[in-house]
Amino acid sequence: MSTFYLKYRDTLPILEVALLTPTSTAYDLSSARSVALHITTPSNTVLSRYMSIYSSTGGIVRYSWSSTDWTSGVEIGQNLMEYEVLTTGSRLTFPNCSYDILSVITDFAQAATT
C-alpha cells in the first residue's frame, strides 16, 4: 500500500504507479488491452479513469489529473485506489491484498471555493 498526496483541484503531479506481482516483480503489461484507475471516495462513490501504459515491461502506468476530476467526484480526504488490468480473457487488479490511498487535502487558495 502506498499513499499519493494531492491538494484539492491540483492537476500535478501525475500519478505514476508500478504494478507489481505478489512476488514484487514488475507485471508485464505487453498483452494489456487497458488499465483503469478506480477510486472510491470518502462518500463511497466509485470513479473510474483510463490510465496510460508508460513502460510495458516495467509495469508502469500513469494517470494525468484533469480539472474535470474535481467536478466529477474526487473528494477531500482519504480516497482508496486500485488499478485494473484487462487482457484478452482475463482481469487482474492491483494491489491484490490492499488499496493505495489518494490523500487529498484543502488548498488554502481554494478553501473559499470548495
PDB file of N, CA and C in Angstrom:
ATOM      1  N   MET A   1       0.847  -1.176   0.000  1.00  0.00           N
ATOM      2  CA  MET A   1       0.000   0.000   0.000  1.00  0.00           C
ATOM      3  C   MET A   1       0.890   1.235   0.000  1.00  0.00           C
ATOM      4  N   SER A   2       0.559   2.174  -0.878  1.00  0.00           N
ATOM      5  CA  SER A   2       1.285   3.435  -0.891  1.00  0.00           C
ATOM      6  C   SER A   2       0.283   4.583  -0.900  1.00  0.00           C
ATOM      7  N   THR A   3       0.755   5.749  -0.511  1.00  0.00           N
ATOM      8  CA  THR A   3      -0.092   6.931  -0.434  1.00  0.00           C
ATOM      9  C   THR A   3       0.395   7.967  -1.425  1.00  0.00           C
ATOM     10  N   PHE A   4      -0.534   8.522  -2.206  1.00  0.00           N
ATOM     11  CA  PHE A   4      -0.251   9.591  -3.156  1.00  0.00           C
ATOM     12  C   PHE A   4      -0.944  10.834  -2.624  1.00  0.00           C
ATOM     13  N   TYR A   5      -0.201  11.921  -2.496  1.00  0.00           N
ATOM     14  CA  TYR A   5      -0.738  13.160  -1.928  1.00  0.00           C
ATOM     15  C   TYR A   5      -1.039  14.167  -3.029  1.00  0.00           C
ATOM     16  N   LEU A   6      -2.164  14.861  -2.877  1.00  0.00           N
ATOM     17  CA  LEU A   6      -2.576  15.855  -3.847  1.00  0.00           C
ATOM     18  C   LEU A   6      -3.409  16.903  -3.126  1.00  0.00           C
ATOM     19  N   LYS A   7      -3.216  18.157  -3.495  1.00  0.00           N
ATOM     20  CA  LYS A   7      -4.079  19.200  -2.954  1.00  0.00           C
ATOM     21  C   LYS A   7      -5.283  19.369  -3.862  1.00  0.00           C
ATOM     22  N   TYR A   8      -6.397  19.718  -3.247  1.00  0.00           N
ATOM     23  CA  TYR A   8      -7.657  19.853  -3.953  1.00  0.00           C
ATOM     24  C   TYR A   8      -7.516  20.751  -5.175  1.00  0.00           C
ATOM     25  N   ARG A   9      -7.980  20.264  -6.308  1.00  0.00           N
ATOM     26  CA  ARG A   9      -8.006  20.919  -7.611  1.00  0.00           C
ATOM     27  C   ARG A   9      -6.648  21.009  -8.308  1.00  0.00           C
ATOM     28  N   ASP A  10      -5.584  20.447  -7.735  1.00  0.00           N
ATOM     29  CA  ASP A  10      -4.296  20.403  -8.436  1.00  0.00           C
ATOM     30  C   ASP A  10      -4.350  19.355  -9.539  1.00  0.00           C
ATOM     31  N   THR A  11      -3.612  19.582 -10.613  1.00  0.00           N
ATOM     32  CA  THR A  11      -3.541  18.617 -11.713  1.00  0.00           C
ATOM     33  C   THR A  11      -2.135  18.032 -11.857  1.00  0.00           C
ATOM     34  N   LEU A  12      -1.238  18.426 -10.994  1.00  0.00           N
ATOM     35  CA  LEU A  12       0.113  17.847 -10.931  1.00  0.00           C
ATOM     36  C   LEU A  12       0.424  17.554  -9.479  1.00  0.00           C
ATOM     37  N   PRO A  13       1.188  16.550  -9.165  1.00  0.00           N
ATOM     38  CA  PRO A  13       1.962  15.701 -10.057  1.00  0.00           C
ATOM     39  C   PRO A  13       1.113  14.581 -10.667  1.00  0.00           C
ATOM     40  N   ILE A  14       1.606  14.041 -11.765  1.00  0.00           N
ATOM     41  CA  ILE A  14       0.983  12.901 -12.413  1.00  0.00           C
ATOM     42  C   ILE A  14       1.074  11.699 -11.468  1.00  0.00           C
ATOM     43  N   LEU A  15       0.025  10.903 -11.437  1.00  0.00           N
ATOM     44  CA  LEU A  15       0.041   9.655 -10.666  1.00  0.00           C
ATOM     45  C   LEU A  15       0.795   8.610 -11.490  1.00  0.00           C
ATOM     46  N   GLU A  16       1.891   8.106 -10.959  1.00  0.00           N
ATOM     47  CA  GLU A  16       2.665   7.055 -11.631  1.00  0.00           C
ATOM     48  C   GLU A  16       2.782   5.882 -10.679  1.00  0.00           C
ATOM     49  N   VAL A  17       2.422   4.693 -11.175  1.00  0.00           N
ATOM     50  CA  VAL A  17       2.366   3.507 -10.332  1.00  0.00           C
ATOM     51  C   VAL A  17       3.082   2.361 -11.022  1.00  0.00           C
ATOM     52  N   ALA A  18       3.880   1.619 -10.259  1.00  0.00           N
ATOM     53  CA  ALA A  18       4.494   0.388 -10.746  1.00  0.00           C
ATOM     54  C   ALA A  18       3.627  -0.769 -10.264  1.00  0.00           C
ATOM     55  N   LEU A  19       3.031  -1.488 -11.196  1.00  0.00           N
ATOM     56  CA  LEU A  19       2.189  -2.633 -10.854  1.00  0.00           C
ATOM     57  C   LEU A  19       3.085  -3.835 -10.612  1.00  0.00           C
ATOM     58  N   LEU A  20       2.993  -4.384  -9.411  1.00  0.00           N
ATOM     59  CA  LEU A  20       3.875  -5.484  -9.012  1.00  0.00           C
ATOM     60  C   LEU A  20       3.084  -6.757  -8.757  1.00  0.00           C
ATOM     61  N   THR A  21       3.697  -7.884  -9.080  1.00  0.00           N
ATOM     62  CA  THR A  21       3.110  -9.188  -8.794  1.00  0.00           C
ATOM     63  C   THR A  21       3.233  -9.456  -7.295  1.00  0.00           C
ATOM     64  N   PRO A  22       2.589 -10.506  -6.779  1.00  0.00           N
ATOM     65  CA  PRO A  22       2.733 -10.831  -5.357  1.00  0.00           C
ATOM     66  C   PRO A  22       4.183 -11.116  -4.934  1.00  0.00           C
ATOM     67  N   THR A  23       5.053 -11.437  -5.892  1.00  0.00           N
ATOM     68  CA  THR A  23       6.467 -11.671  -5.567  1.00  0.00           C
ATOM     69  C   THR A  23       7.308 -10.405  -5.754  1.00  0.00           C
ATOM     70  N   SER A  24       6.638  -9.259  -5.890  1.00  0.00           N
ATOM     71  CA  SER A  24       7.276  -7.941  -6.007  1.00  0.00           C
ATOM     72  C   SER A  24       8.090  -7.744  -7.283  1.00  0.00           C
ATOM     73  N   THR A  25       7.740  -8.452  -8.347  1.00  0.00           N
ATOM     74  CA  THR A  25       8.361  -8.201  -9.645  1.00  0.00           C
ATOM     75  C   THR A  25       7.379  -7.406 -10.495  1.00  0.00           C
ATOM     76  N   ALA A  26       7.903  -6.681 -11.477  1.00  0.00           N
ATOM     77  CA  ALA A  26       7.050  -5.871 -12.341  1.00  0.00           C
ATOM     78  C   ALA A  26       6.101  -6.755 -13.144  1.00  0.00           C
ATOM     79  N   TYR A  27       4.848  -6.353 -13.208  1.00  0.00           N
ATOM     80  CA  TYR A  27       3.858  -7.074 -14.009  1.00  0.00           C
ATOM     81  C   TYR A  27       4.024  -6.641 -15.465  1.00  0.00           C
ATOM     82  N   ASP A  28       4.177  -7.599 -16.365  1.00  0.00           N
ATOM     83  CA  ASP A  28       4.369  -7.301 -17.781  1.00  0.00           C
ATOM     84  C   ASP A  28       3.026  -6.926 -18.411  1.00  0.00           C
ATOM     85  N   LEU A  29       2.945  -5.695 -18.899  1.00  0.00           N
ATOM     86  CA  LEU A  29       1.705  -5.173 -19.475  1.00  0.00           C
ATOM     87  C   LEU A  29       1.650  -5.301 -20.993  1.00  0.00           C
ATOM     88  N   SER A  30       2.560  -6.075 -21.574  1.00  0.00           N
ATOM     89  CA  SER A  30       2.629  -6.182 -23.036  1.00  0.00           C
ATOM     90  C   SER A  30       1.325  -6.662 -23.664  1.00  0.00           C
ATOM     91  N   SER A  31       0.578  -7.503 -22.975  1.00  0.00           N
ATOM     92  CA  SER A  31      -0.675  -8.017 -23.536  1.00  0.00           C
ATOM     93  C   SER A  31      -1.908  -7.298 -22.987  1.00  0.00           C
ATOM     94  N   ALA A  32      -1.706  -6.210 -22.260  1.00  0.00           N
ATOM     95  CA  ALA A  32      -2.836  -5.482 -21.676  1.00  0.00           C
ATOM     96  C   ALA A  32      -3.630  -4.752 -22.758  1.00  0.00           C
ATOM     97  N   ARG A  33      -4.940  -4.896 -22.705  1.00  0.00           N
ATOM     98  CA  ARG A  33      -5.826  -4.140 -23.591  1.00  0.00           C
ATOM     99  C   ARG A  33      -6.135  -2.774 -23.004  1.00  0.00           C
ATOM    100  N   SER A  34      -6.215  -2.707 -21.659  1.00  0.00           N
ATOM    101  CA  SER A  34      -6.474  -1.440 -20.985  1.00  0.00           C
ATOM    102  C   SER A  34      -6.093  -1.546 -19.516  1.00  0.00           C
ATOM    103  N   VAL A  35      -5.855  -0.369 -18.934  1.00  0.00           N
ATOM    104  CA  VAL A  35      -5.608  -0.268 -17.494  1.00  0.00           C
ATOM    105  C   VAL A  35      -6.510   0.853 -16.982  1.00  0.00           C
ATOM    106  N   ALA A  36      -7.266   0.555 -15.936  1.00  0.00           N
ATOM    107  CA  ALA A  36      -8.181   1.545 -15.372  1.00  0.00           C
ATOM    108  C   ALA A  36      -7.817   1.837 -13.926  1.00  0.00           C
ATOM    109  N   LEU A  37      -7.946   3.097 -13.560  1.00  0.00           N
ATOM    110  CA  LEU A  37      -7.808   3.547 -12.181  1.00  0.00           C
ATOM    111  C   LEU A  37      -9.212   3.614 -11.603  1.00  0.00           C
ATOM    112  N   HIS A  38      -9.429   2.946 -10.468  1.00  0.00           N
ATOM    113  CA  HIS A  38     -10.714   3.020  -9.770  1.00  0.00           C
ATOM    114  C   HIS A  38     -10.468   3.695  -8.427  1.00  0.00           C
ATOM    115  N   ILE A  39     -11.251   4.719  -8.154  1.00  0.00           N
ATOM    116  CA  ILE A  39     -11.124   5.486  -6.908  1.00  0.00           C
ATOM    117  C   ILE A  39     -12.440   5.383  -6.155  1.00  0.00           C
ATOM    118  N   THR A  40     -12.365   5.002  -4.878  1.00  0.00           N
ATOM    119  CA  THR A  40     -13.538   5.028  -4.011  1.00  0.00           C
ATOM    120  C   THR A  40     -13.381   6.217  -3.084  1.00  0.00           C
ATOM    121  N   THR A  41     -14.314   7.144  -3.148  1.00  0.00           N
ATOM    122  CA  THR A  41     -14.235   8.382  -2.379  1.00  0.00           C
ATOM    123  C   THR A  41     -14.718   8.170  -0.943  1.00  0.00           C
ATOM    124  N   PRO A  42     -14.465   9.145  -0.062  1.00  0.00           N
ATOM    125  CA  PRO A  42     -14.961   9.032   1.316  1.00  0.00           C
ATOM    126  C   PRO A  42     -16.482   8.864   1.404  1.00  0.00           C
ATOM    127  N   SER A  43     -17.217   9.338   0.395  1.00  0.00           N
ATOM    128  CA  SER A  43     -18.676   9.166   0.412  1.00  0.00           C
ATOM    129  C   SER A  43     -19.110   7.907  -0.345  1.00  0.00           C
ATOM    130  N   ASN A  44     -18.144   6.998  -0.620  1.00  0.00           N
ATOM    131  CA  ASN A  44     -18.388   5.692  -1.254  1.00  0.00           C
ATOM    132  C   ASN A  44     -18.851   5.752  -2.708  1.00  0.00           C
ATOM    133  N   THR A  45     -18.474   6.805  -3.408  1.00  0.00           N
ATOM    134  CA  THR A  45     -18.692   6.877  -4.853  1.00  0.00           C
ATOM    135  C   THR A  45     -17.479   6.254  -5.528  1.00  0.00           C
ATOM    136  N   VAL A  46     -17.697   5.429  -6.550  1.00  0.00           N
ATOM    137  CA  VAL A  46     -16.583   4.832  -7.285  1.00  0.00           C
ATOM    138  C   VAL A  46     -16.416   5.570  -8.607  1.00  0.00           C
ATOM    139  N   LEU A  47     -15.207   6.078  -8.834  1.00  0.00           N
ATOM    140  CA  LEU A  47     -14.860   6.780 -10.070  1.00  0.00           C
ATOM    141  C   LEU A  47     -13.884   5.921 -10.850  1.00  0.00           C
ATOM    142  N   SER A  48     -14.007   5.878 -12.160  1.00  0.00           N
ATOM    143  CA  SER A  48     -13.094   5.094 -12.987  1.00  0.00           C
ATOM    144  C   SER A  48     -12.502   5.974 -14.079  1.00  0.00           C
ATOM    145  N   ARG A  49     -11.204   5.833 -14.277  1.00  0.00           N
ATOM    146  CA  ARG A  49     -10.467   6.605 -15.281  1.00  0.00           C
ATOM    147  C   ARG A  49      -9.489   5.673 -15.991  1.00  0.00           C
ATOM    148  N   TYR A  50      -9.286   5.874 -17.289  1.00  0.00           N
ATOM    149  CA  TYR A  50      -8.292   5.086 -18.007  1.00  0.00           C
ATOM    150  C   TYR A  50      -6.900   5.640 -17.763  1.00  0.00           C
ATOM    151  N   MET A  51      -5.946   4.737 -17.597  1.00  0.00           N
ATOM    152  CA  MET A  51      -4.548   5.106 -17.383  1.00  0.00           C
ATOM    153  C   MET A  51      -3.760   4.803 -18.655  1.00  0.00           C
ATOM    154  N   SER A  52      -2.611   5.457 -18.799  1.00  0.00           N
ATOM    155  CA  SER A  52      -1.738   5.154 -19.927  1.00  0.00           C
ATOM    156  C   SER A  52      -0.612   4.241 -19.456  1.00  0.00           C
ATOM    157  N   ILE A  53      -0.182   3.373 -20.356  1.00  0.00           N
ATOM    158  CA  ILE A  53       0.938   2.485 -20.049  1.00  0.00           C
ATOM    159  C   ILE A  53       2.225   3.220 -20.402  1.00  0.00           C
ATOM    160  N   TYR A  54       3.060   3.429 -19.411  1.00  0.00           N
ATOM    161  CA  TYR A  54       4.320   4.147 -19.602  1.00  0.00           C
ATOM    162  C   TYR A  54       5.461   3.188 -19.920  1.00  0.00           C
ATOM    163  N   SER A  55       5.492   2.034 -19.265  1.00  0.00           N
ATOM    164  CA  SER A  55       6.501   1.006 -19.515  1.00  0.00           C
ATOM    165  C   SER A  55       5.836  -0.364 -19.420  1.00  0.00           C
ATOM    166  N   SER A  56       5.667  -1.010 -20.564  1.00  0.00           N
ATOM    167  CA  SER A  56       5.012  -2.323 -20.578  1.00  0.00           C
ATOM    168  C   SER A  56       5.772  -3.351 -19.756  1.00  0.00           C
ATOM    169  N   THR A  57       7.071  -3.457 -19.988  1.00  0.00           N
ATOM    170  CA  THR A  57       7.851  -4.481 -19.285  1.00  0.00           C
ATOM    171  C   THR A  57       8.144  -4.087 -17.841  1.00  0.00           C
ATOM    172  N   GLY A  58       8.112  -2.796 -17.536  1.00  0.00           N
ATOM    173  CA  GLY A  58       8.340  -2.340 -16.172  1.00  0.00           C
ATOM    174  C   GLY A  58       7.077  -2.270 -15.344  1.00  0.00           C
ATOM    175  N   GLY A  59       5.910  -2.510 -15.985  1.00  0.00           N
ATOM    176  CA  GLY A  59       4.641  -2.476 -15.265  1.00  0.00           C
ATOM    177  C   GLY A  59       4.226  -1.098 -14.793  1.00  0.00           C
ATOM    178  N   ILE A  60       4.704  -0.054 -15.468  1.00  0.00           N
ATOM    179  CA  ILE A  60       4.442   1.311 -15.007  1.00  0.00           C
ATOM    180  C   ILE A  60       3.296   1.939 -15.792  1.00  0.00           C
ATOM    181  N   VAL A  61       2.321   2.453 -15.040  1.00  0.00           N
ATOM    182  CA  VAL A  61       1.167   3.137 -15.619  1.00  0.00           C
ATOM    183  C   VAL A  61       1.084   4.541 -15.041  1.00  0.00           C
ATOM    184  N   ARG A  62       0.421   5.419 -15.793  1.00  0.00           N
ATOM    185  CA  ARG A  62       0.286   6.817 -15.371  1.00  0.00           C
ATOM    186  C   ARG A  62      -1.135   7.308 -15.563  1.00  0.00           C
ATOM    187  N   TYR A  63      -1.494   8.263 -14.693  1.00  0.00           N
ATOM    188  CA  TYR A  63      -2.753   8.983 -14.865  1.00  0.00           C
ATOM    189  C   TYR A  63      -2.467  10.469 -14.690  1.00  0.00           C
ATOM    190  N   SER A  64      -2.882  11.250 -15.683  1.00  0.00           N
ATOM    191  CA  SER A  64      -2.740  12.711 -15.623  1.00  0.00           C
ATOM    192  C   SER A  64      -4.063  13.298 -15.143  1.00  0.00           C
ATOM    193  N   TRP A  65      -4.023  13.955 -14.007  1.00  0.00           N
ATOM    194  CA  TRP A  65      -5.224  14.562 -13.433  1.00  0.00           C
ATOM    195  C   TRP A  65      -5.721  15.675 -14.340  1.00  0.00           C
ATOM    196  N   SER A  66      -7.028  15.884 -14.373  1.00  0.00           N
ATOM    197  CA  SER A  66      -7.605  16.985 -15.140  1.00  0.00           C
ATOM    198  C   SER A  66      -8.572  17.759 -14.252  1.00  0.00           C
ATOM    199  N   SER A  67      -8.917  18.940 -14.682  1.00  0.00           N
ATOM    200  CA  SER A  67      -9.838  19.752 -13.878  1.00  0.00           C
ATOM    201  C   SER A  67     -11.199  19.077 -13.734  1.00  0.00           C
ATOM    202  N   THR A  68     -11.576  18.228 -14.686  1.00  0.00           N
ATOM    203  CA  THR A  68     -12.867  17.539 -14.578  1.00  0.00           C
ATOM    204  C   THR A  68     -12.883  16.488 -13.470  1.00  0.00           C
ATOM    205  N   ASP A  69     -11.704  16.024 -13.025  1.00  0.00           N
ATOM    206  CA  ASP A  69     -11.679  15.089 -11.893  1.00  0.00           C
ATOM    207  C   ASP A  69     -12.277  15.738 -10.652  1.00  0.00           C
ATOM    208  N   TRP A  70     -12.089  17.031 -10.524  1.00  0.00           N
ATOM    209  CA  TRP A  70     -12.565  17.739  -9.333  1.00  0.00           C
ATOM    210  C   TRP A  70     -14.050  18.071  -9.427  1.00  0.00           C
ATOM    211  N   THR A  71     -14.572  18.183 -10.629  1.00  0.00           N
ATOM    212  CA  THR A  71     -16.001  18.473 -10.772  1.00  0.00           C
ATOM    213  C   THR A  71     -16.819  17.199 -10.891  1.00  0.00           C
ATOM    214  N   SER A  72     -16.146  16.050 -11.036  1.00  0.00           N
ATOM    215  CA  SER A  72     -16.896  14.801 -11.212  1.00  0.00           C
ATOM    216  C   SER A  72     -16.673  13.804 -10.089  1.00  0.00           C
ATOM    217  N   GLY A  73     -16.183  14.276  -8.921  1.00  0.00           N
ATOM    218  CA  GLY A  73     -16.232  13.370  -7.805  1.00  0.00           C
ATOM    219  C   GLY A  73     -15.057  13.162  -6.892  1.00  0.00           C
ATOM    220  N   VAL A  74     -13.803  13.469  -7.288  1.00  0.00           N
ATOM    221  CA  VAL A  74     -12.692  13.271  -6.357  1.00  0.00           C
ATOM    222  C   VAL A  74     -12.915  14.200  -5.167  1.00  0.00           C
ATOM    223  N   GLU A  75     -12.752  13.671  -3.964  1.00  0.00           N
ATOM    224  CA  GLU A  75     -13.095  14.423  -2.758  1.00  0.00           C
ATOM    225  C   GLU A  75     -11.897  14.649  -1.848  1.00  0.00           C
ATOM    226  N   ILE A  76     -12.023  15.677  -1.019  1.00  0.00           N
ATOM    227  CA  ILE A  76     -11.043  15.914   0.036  1.00  0.00           C
ATOM    228  C   ILE A  76     -11.157  14.758   1.027  1.00  0.00           C
ATOM    229  N   GLY A  77     -10.011  14.252   1.468  1.00  0.00           N
ATOM    230  CA  GLY A  77      -9.996  13.137   2.412  1.00  0.00           C
ATOM    231  C   GLY A  77      -9.221  11.961   1.857  1.00  0.00           C
ATOM    232  N   GLN A  78      -9.438  10.801   2.444  1.00  0.00           N
ATOM    233  CA  GLN A  78      -8.750   9.574   2.060  1.00  0.00           C
ATOM    234  C   GLN A  78      -9.582   8.806   1.027  1.00  0.00           C
ATOM    235  N   ASN A  79      -9.129   8.829  -0.206  1.00  0.00           N
ATOM    236  CA  ASN A  79      -9.761   8.112  -1.301  1.00  0.00           C
ATOM    237  C   ASN A  79      -8.970   6.829  -1.532  1.00  0.00           C
ATOM    238  N   LEU A  80      -9.640   5.696  -1.696  1.00  0.00           N
ATOM    239  CA  LEU A  80      -8.957   4.432  -1.956  1.00  0.00           C
ATOM    240  C   LEU A  80      -8.800   4.233  -3.457  1.00  0.00           C
ATOM    241  N   MET A  81      -7.646   3.665  -3.871  1.00  0.00           N
ATOM    242  CA  MET A  81      -7.384   3.457  -5.295  1.00  0.00           C
ATOM    243  C   MET A  81      -6.966   2.016  -5.573  1.00  0.00           C
ATOM    244  N   GLU A  82      -7.395   1.512  -6.742  1.00  0.00           N
ATOM    245  CA  GLU A  82      -6.913   0.244  -7.257  1.00  0.00           C
ATOM    246  C   GLU A  82      -6.784   0.386  -8.773  1.00  0.00           C
ATOM    247  N   TYR A  83      -6.033  -0.538  -9.373  1.00  0.00           N
ATOM    248  CA  TYR A  83      -5.708  -0.467 -10.789  1.00  0.00           C
ATOM    249  C   TYR A  83      -6.111  -1.784 -11.433  1.00  0.00           C
ATOM    250  N   GLU A  84      -6.953  -1.719 -12.459  1.00  0.00           N
ATOM    251  CA  GLU A  84      -7.494  -2.914 -13.100  1.00  0.00           C
ATOM    252  C   GLU A  84      -6.871  -3.083 -14.484  1.00  0.00           C
ATOM    253  N   VAL A  85      -6.242  -4.236 -14.699  1.00  0.00           N
ATOM    254  CA  VAL A  85      -5.635  -4.552 -15.986  1.00  0.00           C
ATOM    255  C   VAL A  85      -6.514  -5.577 -16.687  1.00  0.00           C
ATOM    256  N   LEU A  86      -6.911  -5.260 -17.920  1.00  0.00           N
ATOM    257  CA  LEU A  86      -7.678  -6.197 -18.733  1.00  0.00           C
ATOM    258  C   LEU A  86      -6.805  -6.681 -19.880  1.00  0.00           C
ATOM    259  N   THR A  87      -6.754  -7.991 -20.044  1.00  0.00           N
ATOM    260  CA  THR A  87      -6.103  -8.610 -21.189  1.00  0.00           C
ATOM    261  C   THR A  87      -7.164  -9.459 -21.868  1.00  0.00           C
ATOM    262  N   THR A  88      -6.825 -10.084 -22.969  1.00  0.00           N
ATOM    263  CA  THR A  88      -7.795 -10.947 -23.632  1.00  0.00           C
ATOM    264  C   THR A  88      -8.133 -12.121 -22.715  1.00  0.00           C
ATOM    265  N   GLY A  89      -9.352 -12.141 -22.229  1.00  0.00           N
ATOM    266  CA  GLY A  89      -9.817 -13.246 -21.404  1.00  0.00           C
ATOM    267  C   GLY A  89      -9.458 -13.200 -19.936  1.00  0.00           C
ATOM    268  N   SER A  90      -8.816 -12.139 -19.454  1.00  0.00           N
ATOM    269  CA  SER A  90      -8.504 -12.102 -18.022  1.00  0.00           C
ATOM    270  C   SER A  90      -8.550 -10.679 -17.477  1.00  0.00           C
ATOM    271  N   ARG A  91      -8.668 -10.629 -16.163  1.00  0.00           N
ATOM    272  CA  ARG A  91      -8.737  -9.362 -15.422  1.00  0.00           C
ATOM    273  C   ARG A  91      -7.899  -9.535 -14.171  1.00  0.00           C
ATOM    274  N   LEU A  92      -7.083  -8.535 -13.859  1.00  0.00           N
ATOM    275  CA  LEU A  92      -6.256  -8.577 -12.665  1.00  0.00           C
ATOM    276  C   LEU A  92      -6.255  -7.202 -12.034  1.00  0.00           C
ATOM    277  N   THR A  93      -6.423  -7.141 -10.717  1.00  0.00           N
ATOM    278  CA  THR A  93      -6.487  -5.868 -10.002  1.00  0.00           C
ATOM    279  C   THR A  93      -5.301  -5.739  -9.058  1.00  0.00           C
ATOM    280  N   PHE A  94      -4.709  -4.556  -9.030  1.00  0.00           N
ATOM    281  CA  PHE A  94      -3.551  -4.248  -8.186  1.00  0.00           C
ATOM    282  C   PHE A  94      -3.913  -3.141  -7.224  1.00  0.00           C
ATOM    283  N   PRO A  95      -3.323  -3.074  -6.050  1.00  0.00           N
ATOM    284  CA  PRO A  95      -2.642  -4.190  -5.413  1.00  0.00           C
ATOM    285  C   PRO A  95      -3.653  -5.269  -5.070  1.00  0.00           C
ATOM    286  N   ASN A  96      -3.206  -6.506  -4.980  1.00  0.00           N
ATOM    287  CA  ASN A  96      -4.156  -7.603  -4.804  1.00  0.00           C
ATOM    288  C   ASN A  96      -4.492  -7.909  -3.347  1.00  0.00           C
ATOM    289  N   CYS A  97      -3.860  -7.211  -2.390  1.00  0.00           N
ATOM    290  CA  CYS A  97      -4.144  -7.509  -0.986  1.00  0.00           C
ATOM    291  C   CYS A  97      -4.526  -6.262  -0.180  1.00  0.00           C
ATOM    292  N   SER A  98      -4.653  -5.127  -0.843  1.00  0.00           N
ATOM    293  CA  SER A  98      -4.993  -3.890  -0.137  1.00  0.00           C
ATOM    294  C   SER A  98      -5.405  -2.848  -1.172  1.00  0.00           C
ATOM    295  N   TYR A  99      -5.327  -1.592  -0.807  1.00  0.00           N
ATOM    296  CA  TYR A  99      -5.602  -0.473  -1.711  1.00  0.00           C
ATOM    297  C   TYR A  99      -4.513   0.564  -1.542  1.00  0.00           C
ATOM    298  N   ASP A 100      -4.267   1.338  -2.581  1.00  0.00           N
ATOM    299  CA  ASP A 100      -3.443   2.522  -2.428  1.00  0.00           C
ATOM    300  C   ASP A 100      -4.356   3.649  -1.963  1.00  0.00           C
ATOM    301  N   ILE A 101      -3.767   4.684  -1.426  1.00  0.00           N
ATOM    302  CA  ILE A 101      -4.547   5.799  -0.901  1.00  0.00           C
ATOM    303  C   ILE A 101      -4.222   7.071  -1.667  1.00  0.00           C
ATOM    304  N   LEU A 102      -5.267   7.786  -2.057  1.00  0.00           N
ATOM    305  CA  LEU A 102      -5.136   9.125  -2.603  1.00  0.00           C
ATOM    306  C   LEU A 102      -5.566  10.067  -1.489  1.00  0.00           C
ATOM    307  N   SER A 103      -4.597  10.764  -0.917  1.00  0.00           N
ATOM    308  CA  SER A 103      -4.882  11.684   0.181  1.00  0.00           C
ATOM    309  C   SER A 103      -4.996  13.094  -0.386  1.00  0.00           C
ATOM    310  N   VAL A 104      -6.211  13.632  -0.364  1.00  0.00           N
ATOM    311  CA  VAL A 104      -6.478  14.962  -0.906  1.00  0.00           C
ATOM    312  C   VAL A 104      -6.744  15.909   0.255  1.00  0.00           C
ATOM    313  N   ILE A 105      -5.979  16.994   0.275  1.00  0.00           N
ATOM    314  CA  ILE A 105      -6.173  17.993   1.327  1.00  0.00           C
ATOM    315  C   ILE A 105      -6.567  19.331   0.704  1.00  0.00           C
ATOM    316  N   THR A 106      -7.142  20.201   1.527  1.00  0.00           N
ATOM    317  CA  THR A 106      -7.576  21.514   1.071  1.00  0.00           C
ATOM    318  C   THR A 106      -6.382  22.379   0.717  1.00  0.00           C
ATOM    319  N   ASP A 107      -6.515  23.090  -0.360  1.00  0.00           N
ATOM    320  CA  ASP A 107      -5.522  24.084  -0.774  1.00  0.00           C
ATOM    321  C   ASP A 107      -6.006  25.421  -0.217  1.00  0.00           C
ATOM    322  N   PHE A 108      -5.144  26.136   0.503  1.00  0.00           N
ATOM    323  CA  PHE A 108      -5.564  27.419   1.108  1.00  0.00           C
ATOM    324  C   PHE A 108      -6.181  28.370   0.094  1.00  0.00           C
ATOM    325  N   ALA A 109      -5.615  28.421  -1.108  1.00  0.00           N
ATOM    326  CA  ALA A 109      -6.131  29.336  -2.142  1.00  0.00           C
ATOM    327  C   ALA A 109      -7.509  28.911  -2.633  1.00  0.00           C
ATOM    328  N   GLN A 110      -7.850  27.639  -2.496  1.00  0.00           N
ATOM    329  CA  GLN A 110      -9.130  27.128  -2.967  1.00  0.00           C
ATOM    330  C   GLN A 110     -10.165  26.991  -1.848  1.00  0.00           C
ATOM    331  N   ALA A 111      -9.763  27.190  -0.608  1.00  0.00           N
ATOM    332  CA  ALA A 111     -10.646  26.929   0.541  1.00  0.00           C
ATOM    333  C   ALA A 111     -11.958  27.685   0.452  1.00  0.00           C
ATOM    334  N   ALA A 112     -11.935  28.884  -0.060  1.00  0.00           N
ATOM    335  CA  ALA A 112     -13.150  29.698  -0.125  1.00  0.00           C
ATOM    336  C   ALA A 112     -14.114  29.203  -1.189  1.00  0.00           C
ATOM    337  N   THR A 113     -13.628  28.363  -2.121  1.00  0.00           N
ATOM    338  CA  THR A 113     -14.496  27.940  -3.218  1.00  0.00           C
ATOM    339  C   THR A 113     -14.822  26.461  -3.189  1.00  0.00           C
ATOM    340  N   THR A 114     -14.472  25.743  -2.097  1.00  0.00           N
ATOM    341  CA  THR A 114     -14.749  24.302  -2.036  1.00  0.00           C
ATOM    342  C   THR A 114     -16.136  24.013  -1.579  1.00  0.00           C
TER     343      THR A 114
END
